N, C-alpha and C. Protein backbone atom coordinates (compact mmCIF):
# COMPACT_ATOMS: atom_id res chain seq x y z
N UNK A 1 -59.24 -101.25 21.40
CA UNK A 1 -59.08 -99.81 21.36
C UNK A 1 -57.89 -99.40 22.21
N UNK A 2 -57.06 -98.52 21.67
CA UNK A 2 -55.84 -98.10 22.36
C UNK A 2 -56.16 -97.20 23.55
N UNK A 3 -55.38 -97.35 24.61
CA UNK A 3 -55.53 -96.50 25.79
C UNK A 3 -54.91 -95.13 25.50
N UNK A 4 -55.17 -94.19 26.38
CA UNK A 4 -54.60 -92.84 26.24
C UNK A 4 -53.08 -92.92 26.19
N UNK A 5 -52.49 -93.69 27.07
CA UNK A 5 -51.03 -93.81 27.13
C UNK A 5 -50.51 -94.43 25.84
N UNK A 6 -51.19 -95.45 25.32
CA UNK A 6 -50.76 -96.07 24.07
C UNK A 6 -50.84 -95.10 22.89
N UNK A 7 -51.89 -94.28 22.86
CA UNK A 7 -52.03 -93.28 21.79
C UNK A 7 -50.89 -92.26 21.85
N UNK A 8 -50.61 -91.79 23.06
CA UNK A 8 -49.52 -90.82 23.23
C UNK A 8 -48.19 -91.45 22.87
N UNK A 9 -47.97 -92.67 23.32
CA UNK A 9 -46.72 -93.39 23.02
C UNK A 9 -46.50 -93.48 21.51
N UNK A 10 -47.54 -93.84 20.78
CA UNK A 10 -47.44 -93.96 19.32
C UNK A 10 -47.08 -92.62 18.68
N UNK A 11 -47.78 -91.56 19.10
CA UNK A 11 -47.51 -90.24 18.54
C UNK A 11 -46.08 -89.78 18.85
N UNK A 12 -45.62 -90.04 20.05
CA UNK A 12 -44.27 -89.60 20.43
C UNK A 12 -43.20 -90.40 19.68
N UNK A 13 -43.46 -91.68 19.44
CA UNK A 13 -42.51 -92.47 18.65
C UNK A 13 -42.38 -91.92 17.23
N UNK A 14 -43.48 -91.43 16.68
CA UNK A 14 -43.46 -90.83 15.35
C UNK A 14 -42.87 -89.42 15.38
N UNK A 15 -43.04 -88.74 16.49
CA UNK A 15 -42.61 -87.35 16.62
C UNK A 15 -41.09 -87.20 16.54
N UNK A 16 -40.36 -88.02 17.27
CA UNK A 16 -38.91 -87.91 17.36
C UNK A 16 -38.21 -87.77 16.02
N UNK A 17 -38.43 -88.69 15.11
CA UNK A 17 -37.75 -88.60 13.81
C UNK A 17 -38.28 -87.47 12.91
N UNK A 18 -39.42 -86.90 13.24
CA UNK A 18 -40.05 -85.91 12.37
C UNK A 18 -39.87 -84.46 12.82
N UNK A 19 -39.18 -84.23 13.91
CA UNK A 19 -38.89 -82.86 14.36
C UNK A 19 -37.39 -82.73 14.55
N UNK A 20 -36.75 -81.95 13.68
CA UNK A 20 -35.30 -81.83 13.69
C UNK A 20 -34.76 -81.19 14.96
N UNK A 21 -35.58 -80.38 15.62
CA UNK A 21 -35.16 -79.62 16.80
C UNK A 21 -35.04 -80.50 18.05
N UNK A 22 -35.54 -81.73 18.00
CA UNK A 22 -35.52 -82.62 19.17
C UNK A 22 -34.17 -83.30 19.29
N UNK A 23 -33.56 -83.17 20.48
CA UNK A 23 -32.30 -83.86 20.76
C UNK A 23 -32.53 -85.21 21.41
N UNK A 24 -33.55 -85.31 22.30
CA UNK A 24 -33.78 -86.57 23.02
C UNK A 24 -35.21 -86.63 23.53
N UNK A 25 -35.71 -87.85 23.63
CA UNK A 25 -37.01 -88.11 24.26
C UNK A 25 -36.79 -89.24 25.24
N UNK A 26 -37.21 -89.01 26.50
CA UNK A 26 -37.05 -90.00 27.55
C UNK A 26 -38.42 -90.28 28.17
N UNK A 27 -38.75 -91.56 28.30
CA UNK A 27 -40.01 -91.93 28.94
C UNK A 27 -39.72 -92.33 30.39
N UNK A 28 -40.57 -91.83 31.30
CA UNK A 28 -40.43 -92.18 32.71
C UNK A 28 -41.41 -93.29 33.06
N UNK A 29 -41.43 -93.70 34.30
CA UNK A 29 -42.30 -94.80 34.74
C UNK A 29 -43.76 -94.40 34.88
N UNK A 30 -44.09 -93.13 35.08
CA UNK A 30 -45.46 -92.70 35.40
C UNK A 30 -46.52 -93.15 34.42
N UNK A 31 -46.56 -93.19 33.18
CA UNK A 31 -45.52 -92.71 32.28
C UNK A 31 -45.71 -91.24 31.92
N UNK A 32 -44.59 -90.61 31.68
CA UNK A 32 -44.56 -89.28 31.10
C UNK A 32 -43.35 -89.27 30.18
N UNK A 33 -43.26 -88.25 29.36
CA UNK A 33 -42.17 -88.17 28.41
C UNK A 33 -41.52 -86.80 28.54
N UNK A 34 -40.20 -86.79 28.58
CA UNK A 34 -39.43 -85.54 28.60
C UNK A 34 -38.80 -85.39 27.22
N UNK A 35 -39.11 -84.26 26.57
CA UNK A 35 -38.55 -83.99 25.25
C UNK A 35 -37.56 -82.84 25.39
N UNK A 36 -36.31 -83.12 25.06
CA UNK A 36 -35.28 -82.08 25.12
C UNK A 36 -35.01 -81.58 23.71
N UNK A 37 -35.04 -80.25 23.58
CA UNK A 37 -34.80 -79.61 22.30
C UNK A 37 -33.36 -79.13 22.22
N UNK A 38 -32.94 -78.75 21.02
CA UNK A 38 -31.54 -78.39 20.79
C UNK A 38 -31.06 -77.23 21.64
N UNK A 39 -31.96 -76.34 22.08
CA UNK A 39 -31.55 -75.23 22.95
C UNK A 39 -31.62 -75.62 24.43
N UNK A 40 -31.81 -76.89 24.72
CA UNK A 40 -31.88 -77.49 26.06
C UNK A 40 -33.21 -77.22 26.77
N UNK A 41 -34.19 -76.63 26.08
CA UNK A 41 -35.53 -76.52 26.65
C UNK A 41 -36.11 -77.92 26.77
N UNK A 42 -36.75 -78.20 27.90
CA UNK A 42 -37.35 -79.51 28.11
C UNK A 42 -38.85 -79.34 28.32
N UNK A 43 -39.62 -80.07 27.54
CA UNK A 43 -41.07 -80.10 27.69
C UNK A 43 -41.46 -81.49 28.16
N UNK A 44 -42.28 -81.51 29.19
CA UNK A 44 -42.80 -82.77 29.75
C UNK A 44 -44.19 -82.99 29.17
N UNK A 45 -44.46 -84.22 28.76
CA UNK A 45 -45.79 -84.60 28.28
C UNK A 45 -46.32 -85.69 29.20
N UNK A 46 -47.52 -85.46 29.73
CA UNK A 46 -48.17 -86.42 30.61
C UNK A 46 -49.54 -86.77 30.06
N UNK A 47 -50.03 -87.95 30.39
CA UNK A 47 -51.36 -88.39 29.98
C UNK A 47 -52.40 -87.94 31.00
N UNK A 48 -53.59 -87.60 30.50
CA UNK A 48 -54.72 -87.26 31.37
C UNK A 48 -55.97 -87.86 30.73
N UNK A 49 -56.97 -88.14 31.56
CA UNK A 49 -58.21 -88.77 31.10
C UNK A 49 -59.40 -87.84 31.25
N UNK A 50 -60.50 -88.27 30.63
CA UNK A 50 -61.83 -87.63 30.77
C UNK A 50 -61.84 -86.17 30.41
N UNK A 51 -61.64 -85.75 29.22
CA UNK A 51 -61.40 -86.54 28.02
C UNK A 51 -59.91 -86.89 27.88
N UNK A 52 -59.64 -87.86 27.01
CA UNK A 52 -58.26 -88.29 26.78
C UNK A 52 -57.48 -87.12 26.19
N UNK A 53 -56.36 -86.79 26.85
CA UNK A 53 -55.55 -85.66 26.40
C UNK A 53 -54.12 -85.81 26.89
N UNK A 54 -53.26 -85.00 26.32
CA UNK A 54 -51.89 -84.92 26.83
C UNK A 54 -51.69 -83.52 27.40
N UNK A 55 -50.90 -83.46 28.45
CA UNK A 55 -50.61 -82.19 29.12
C UNK A 55 -49.14 -81.87 28.88
N UNK A 56 -48.88 -80.69 28.30
CA UNK A 56 -47.52 -80.21 28.10
C UNK A 56 -47.18 -79.31 29.28
N UNK A 57 -45.95 -79.41 29.78
CA UNK A 57 -45.49 -78.47 30.80
C UNK A 57 -43.99 -78.25 30.65
N UNK A 58 -43.54 -77.11 31.14
CA UNK A 58 -42.11 -76.78 31.11
C UNK A 58 -41.82 -75.81 32.24
N UNK A 59 -40.60 -75.87 32.73
CA UNK A 59 -40.18 -74.96 33.78
C UNK A 59 -39.65 -73.68 33.15
N UNK A 60 -40.10 -72.55 33.71
CA UNK A 60 -39.66 -71.25 33.22
C UNK A 60 -38.52 -70.68 34.06
N UNK A 61 -38.31 -71.23 35.24
CA UNK A 61 -37.30 -70.71 36.15
C UNK A 61 -37.97 -69.99 37.31
N UNK A 62 -37.17 -69.32 38.11
CA UNK A 62 -37.66 -68.58 39.26
C UNK A 62 -37.57 -67.08 38.99
N UNK A 63 -38.55 -66.34 39.46
CA UNK A 63 -38.52 -64.89 39.35
C UNK A 63 -37.53 -64.34 40.38
N UNK A 64 -36.68 -63.42 39.96
CA UNK A 64 -35.74 -62.82 40.91
C UNK A 64 -36.51 -61.90 41.86
N UNK A 65 -35.94 -61.63 43.01
CA UNK A 65 -36.60 -60.75 43.98
C UNK A 65 -36.89 -59.38 43.38
N UNK A 66 -35.97 -58.87 42.56
CA UNK A 66 -36.15 -57.55 41.95
C UNK A 66 -37.33 -57.51 40.99
N UNK A 67 -37.58 -58.59 40.28
CA UNK A 67 -38.61 -58.62 39.25
C UNK A 67 -39.85 -59.41 39.65
N UNK A 68 -39.85 -59.98 40.82
CA UNK A 68 -40.92 -60.90 41.20
C UNK A 68 -42.31 -60.30 41.03
N UNK A 69 -42.53 -59.11 41.55
CA UNK A 69 -43.86 -58.51 41.46
C UNK A 69 -44.29 -58.28 40.01
N UNK A 70 -43.41 -57.72 39.20
CA UNK A 70 -43.73 -57.45 37.80
C UNK A 70 -44.01 -58.74 37.03
N UNK A 71 -43.21 -59.75 37.29
CA UNK A 71 -43.39 -61.03 36.60
C UNK A 71 -44.69 -61.70 37.04
N UNK A 72 -44.95 -61.74 38.33
CA UNK A 72 -46.19 -62.36 38.82
C UNK A 72 -47.42 -61.61 38.31
N UNK A 73 -47.36 -60.26 38.27
CA UNK A 73 -48.49 -59.50 37.74
C UNK A 73 -48.73 -59.83 36.27
N UNK A 74 -47.65 -59.90 35.50
CA UNK A 74 -47.77 -60.22 34.07
C UNK A 74 -48.37 -61.62 33.89
N UNK A 75 -47.93 -62.55 34.71
CA UNK A 75 -48.44 -63.93 34.60
C UNK A 75 -49.90 -64.03 35.01
N UNK A 76 -50.30 -63.29 36.02
CA UNK A 76 -51.72 -63.30 36.41
C UNK A 76 -52.59 -62.71 35.30
N UNK A 77 -52.12 -61.66 34.67
CA UNK A 77 -52.85 -61.09 33.52
C UNK A 77 -52.91 -62.11 32.38
N UNK A 78 -51.81 -62.76 32.12
CA UNK A 78 -51.73 -63.76 31.05
C UNK A 78 -52.71 -64.91 31.31
N UNK A 79 -52.76 -65.39 32.54
CA UNK A 79 -53.66 -66.49 32.87
C UNK A 79 -55.12 -66.10 32.67
N UNK A 80 -55.44 -64.85 32.88
CA UNK A 80 -56.81 -64.39 32.69
C UNK A 80 -57.20 -64.37 31.21
N UNK A 81 -56.23 -64.32 30.33
CA UNK A 81 -56.48 -64.26 28.88
C UNK A 81 -56.54 -65.66 28.26
N UNK A 82 -57.08 -66.65 28.98
CA UNK A 82 -57.07 -68.04 28.53
C UNK A 82 -57.73 -68.22 27.17
N UNK A 83 -58.72 -67.40 26.83
CA UNK A 83 -59.35 -67.53 25.51
C UNK A 83 -58.37 -67.18 24.40
N UNK A 84 -57.54 -66.18 24.62
CA UNK A 84 -56.57 -65.75 23.61
C UNK A 84 -55.36 -66.67 23.54
N UNK A 85 -55.03 -67.32 24.63
CA UNK A 85 -53.84 -68.17 24.67
C UNK A 85 -54.14 -69.64 24.41
N UNK A 86 -55.41 -69.97 24.20
CA UNK A 86 -55.76 -71.37 23.98
C UNK A 86 -55.65 -72.21 25.23
N UNK A 87 -55.70 -71.57 26.39
CA UNK A 87 -55.64 -72.31 27.65
C UNK A 87 -54.26 -72.48 28.22
N UNK A 88 -53.25 -71.86 27.62
CA UNK A 88 -51.90 -71.91 28.19
C UNK A 88 -51.94 -71.12 29.49
N UNK A 89 -51.35 -71.69 30.53
CA UNK A 89 -51.36 -71.03 31.83
C UNK A 89 -50.02 -71.23 32.51
N UNK A 90 -49.75 -70.39 33.48
CA UNK A 90 -48.50 -70.48 34.23
C UNK A 90 -48.83 -70.49 35.71
N UNK A 91 -48.18 -71.38 36.44
CA UNK A 91 -48.39 -71.48 37.88
C UNK A 91 -47.06 -71.51 38.61
N UNK A 92 -47.16 -71.46 39.91
CA UNK A 92 -45.99 -71.46 40.78
C UNK A 92 -45.92 -72.81 41.49
N UNK A 93 -44.78 -73.46 41.41
CA UNK A 93 -44.58 -74.76 42.03
C UNK A 93 -44.23 -74.58 43.51
N UNK A 94 -45.18 -74.10 44.29
CA UNK A 94 -44.99 -73.91 45.72
C UNK A 94 -44.37 -72.56 46.05
N UNK A 95 -44.37 -72.20 47.34
CA UNK A 95 -43.78 -70.92 47.75
C UNK A 95 -42.31 -70.84 47.33
N UNK A 96 -41.96 -69.75 46.69
CA UNK A 96 -40.60 -69.52 46.19
C UNK A 96 -40.17 -70.57 45.16
N UNK A 97 -41.12 -71.30 44.61
CA UNK A 97 -40.82 -72.34 43.63
C UNK A 97 -40.66 -71.80 42.23
N UNK A 98 -40.37 -72.71 41.34
CA UNK A 98 -40.21 -72.36 39.93
C UNK A 98 -41.57 -72.10 39.29
N UNK A 99 -41.56 -71.30 38.24
CA UNK A 99 -42.76 -71.04 37.45
C UNK A 99 -42.89 -72.16 36.42
N UNK A 100 -44.10 -72.71 36.29
CA UNK A 100 -44.37 -73.81 35.38
C UNK A 100 -45.44 -73.37 34.39
N UNK A 101 -45.15 -73.52 33.11
CA UNK A 101 -46.12 -73.21 32.05
C UNK A 101 -46.72 -74.53 31.58
N UNK A 102 -48.03 -74.52 31.26
CA UNK A 102 -48.67 -75.76 30.82
C UNK A 102 -49.85 -75.49 29.92
N UNK A 103 -50.23 -76.52 29.19
CA UNK A 103 -51.43 -76.52 28.36
C UNK A 103 -51.84 -77.96 28.11
N UNK A 104 -53.03 -78.14 27.57
CA UNK A 104 -53.55 -79.47 27.28
C UNK A 104 -53.89 -79.59 25.81
N UNK A 105 -53.79 -80.81 25.29
CA UNK A 105 -54.11 -81.09 23.91
C UNK A 105 -54.95 -82.36 23.85
N UNK A 106 -56.18 -82.25 23.37
CA UNK A 106 -57.08 -83.41 23.29
C UNK A 106 -56.55 -84.41 22.27
N UNK A 107 -56.72 -85.69 22.56
CA UNK A 107 -56.22 -86.74 21.67
C UNK A 107 -57.20 -87.12 20.57
N UNK A 108 -58.48 -86.83 20.76
CA UNK A 108 -59.48 -87.24 19.77
C UNK A 108 -59.16 -86.65 18.40
N UNK A 109 -58.91 -87.51 17.44
CA UNK A 109 -58.61 -87.10 16.08
C UNK A 109 -57.24 -86.47 15.89
N UNK A 110 -56.40 -86.51 16.91
CA UNK A 110 -55.08 -85.87 16.85
C UNK A 110 -54.16 -86.66 15.91
N UNK A 111 -53.58 -85.95 14.97
CA UNK A 111 -52.63 -86.53 14.03
C UNK A 111 -51.23 -85.99 14.36
N UNK A 112 -50.21 -86.66 13.81
CA UNK A 112 -48.83 -86.26 14.06
C UNK A 112 -48.60 -84.79 13.71
N UNK A 113 -49.10 -84.33 12.58
CA UNK A 113 -48.91 -82.94 12.17
C UNK A 113 -49.51 -81.97 13.19
N UNK A 114 -50.69 -82.32 13.74
CA UNK A 114 -51.33 -81.48 14.76
C UNK A 114 -50.44 -81.39 16.00
N UNK A 115 -49.89 -82.53 16.40
CA UNK A 115 -49.00 -82.56 17.57
C UNK A 115 -47.76 -81.72 17.31
N UNK A 116 -47.18 -81.82 16.13
CA UNK A 116 -45.98 -81.04 15.80
C UNK A 116 -46.27 -79.54 15.88
N UNK A 117 -47.39 -79.12 15.31
CA UNK A 117 -47.75 -77.71 15.32
C UNK A 117 -47.98 -77.23 16.75
N UNK A 118 -48.74 -78.00 17.52
CA UNK A 118 -49.03 -77.62 18.90
C UNK A 118 -47.77 -77.57 19.75
N UNK A 119 -46.91 -78.55 19.58
CA UNK A 119 -45.67 -78.59 20.35
C UNK A 119 -44.75 -77.43 19.95
N UNK A 120 -44.67 -77.13 18.67
CA UNK A 120 -43.86 -76.00 18.19
C UNK A 120 -44.38 -74.69 18.76
N UNK A 121 -45.69 -74.49 18.74
CA UNK A 121 -46.28 -73.27 19.30
C UNK A 121 -46.02 -73.17 20.80
N UNK A 122 -46.19 -74.28 21.52
CA UNK A 122 -45.95 -74.28 22.97
C UNK A 122 -44.47 -74.00 23.25
N UNK A 123 -43.60 -74.55 22.45
CA UNK A 123 -42.16 -74.32 22.62
C UNK A 123 -41.82 -72.84 22.43
N UNK A 124 -42.41 -72.21 21.43
CA UNK A 124 -42.17 -70.78 21.19
C UNK A 124 -42.61 -69.94 22.38
N UNK A 125 -43.79 -70.21 22.89
CA UNK A 125 -44.31 -69.43 24.00
C UNK A 125 -43.50 -69.70 25.27
N UNK A 126 -43.05 -70.94 25.44
CA UNK A 126 -42.21 -71.28 26.59
C UNK A 126 -40.90 -70.51 26.54
N UNK A 127 -40.27 -70.49 25.38
CA UNK A 127 -39.00 -69.77 25.23
C UNK A 127 -39.19 -68.28 25.49
N UNK A 128 -40.31 -67.72 25.01
CA UNK A 128 -40.58 -66.29 25.25
C UNK A 128 -40.71 -66.01 26.73
N UNK A 129 -41.48 -66.84 27.44
CA UNK A 129 -41.67 -66.63 28.87
C UNK A 129 -40.37 -66.87 29.64
N UNK A 130 -39.56 -67.85 29.22
CA UNK A 130 -38.28 -68.05 29.89
C UNK A 130 -37.43 -66.79 29.79
N UNK A 131 -37.41 -66.18 28.61
CA UNK A 131 -36.67 -64.93 28.43
C UNK A 131 -37.22 -63.82 29.30
N UNK A 132 -38.54 -63.73 29.40
CA UNK A 132 -39.19 -62.71 30.22
C UNK A 132 -38.85 -62.91 31.69
N UNK A 133 -38.88 -64.14 32.16
CA UNK A 133 -38.61 -64.44 33.58
C UNK A 133 -37.14 -64.17 33.92
N UNK A 134 -36.25 -64.41 32.99
CA UNK A 134 -34.81 -64.28 33.27
C UNK A 134 -34.24 -62.90 32.95
N UNK A 135 -35.06 -61.98 32.47
CA UNK A 135 -34.55 -60.65 32.17
C UNK A 135 -34.13 -59.94 33.47
N UNK A 136 -33.25 -58.97 33.35
CA UNK A 136 -32.74 -58.28 34.55
C UNK A 136 -33.59 -57.11 34.98
N UNK A 137 -34.41 -56.56 34.07
CA UNK A 137 -35.29 -55.44 34.43
C UNK A 137 -36.66 -55.68 33.82
N UNK A 138 -37.72 -55.34 34.53
CA UNK A 138 -39.05 -55.54 33.98
C UNK A 138 -39.23 -54.78 32.67
N UNK A 139 -39.90 -55.41 31.72
CA UNK A 139 -40.14 -54.79 30.41
C UNK A 139 -41.56 -54.29 30.32
N UNK A 140 -41.76 -53.32 29.47
CA UNK A 140 -43.11 -52.82 29.26
C UNK A 140 -43.67 -53.34 27.94
N UNK A 141 -43.00 -54.32 27.35
CA UNK A 141 -43.43 -54.90 26.07
C UNK A 141 -44.66 -55.77 26.29
N UNK A 142 -45.34 -56.16 25.19
CA UNK A 142 -46.49 -57.06 25.33
C UNK A 142 -46.08 -58.36 26.00
N UNK A 143 -47.05 -59.02 26.60
CA UNK A 143 -46.78 -60.31 27.24
C UNK A 143 -46.26 -61.30 26.21
N UNK A 144 -45.31 -62.16 26.58
CA UNK A 144 -44.80 -63.14 25.64
C UNK A 144 -45.95 -63.97 25.04
N UNK A 145 -45.88 -64.11 23.72
CA UNK A 145 -46.87 -64.91 23.04
C UNK A 145 -48.13 -64.16 22.67
N UNK A 146 -48.26 -62.92 23.11
CA UNK A 146 -49.47 -62.16 22.84
C UNK A 146 -49.24 -61.03 21.85
N UNK A 147 -48.02 -60.91 21.32
CA UNK A 147 -47.69 -59.85 20.37
C UNK A 147 -48.53 -60.03 19.11
N UNK A 148 -49.32 -59.05 18.78
CA UNK A 148 -50.08 -59.06 17.55
C UNK A 148 -51.03 -60.23 17.39
N UNK A 149 -51.42 -60.86 18.50
CA UNK A 149 -52.34 -61.99 18.42
C UNK A 149 -51.77 -63.17 17.66
N UNK A 150 -50.43 -63.34 17.70
CA UNK A 150 -49.79 -64.37 16.87
C UNK A 150 -49.85 -65.77 17.46
N UNK A 151 -50.18 -65.91 18.72
CA UNK A 151 -50.18 -67.23 19.33
C UNK A 151 -51.58 -67.77 19.43
N UNK A 152 -51.80 -68.89 18.80
CA UNK A 152 -53.11 -69.54 18.86
C UNK A 152 -52.91 -71.02 19.05
N UNK A 153 -53.19 -71.53 20.23
CA UNK A 153 -53.13 -72.95 20.49
C UNK A 153 -54.47 -73.33 21.08
N UNK A 154 -55.20 -74.12 20.40
CA UNK A 154 -56.50 -74.53 20.89
C UNK A 154 -56.47 -76.00 21.20
N UNK A 155 -56.50 -76.31 22.48
CA UNK A 155 -56.43 -77.69 22.93
C UNK A 155 -57.82 -78.30 22.95
């Protein structure tokens, strides 16, 4: 029976040639995988156990001093809506650190198409939040990924 890492490795080997938006995939020693997309967004995939799953994460950047409160408030509200976001959450990588978005995807019964859909959805929400974090003035628009209930990722 394949280990969690072996299952992820197999899926990622199949993923590269099947997603046109991917520029590069690099495996680290941990192991984890960094997937760079054509717009230079990088998503990290790591293995986790009990249950066997993969964890997606990406850096959103740092909130500017001018927008920090508005961005942090929006992110705290977003984290509370875990049922609507499929468990996507955003955290802070230490005091004054970068904002990190993440979610989990169970491996049981996971097929390549499921991974592609989940990764595409996570990439969309990551790009939305990156835009929100890097804007120059706080917006009163819906939270990224929550417009019209269009984001559904169930890990």
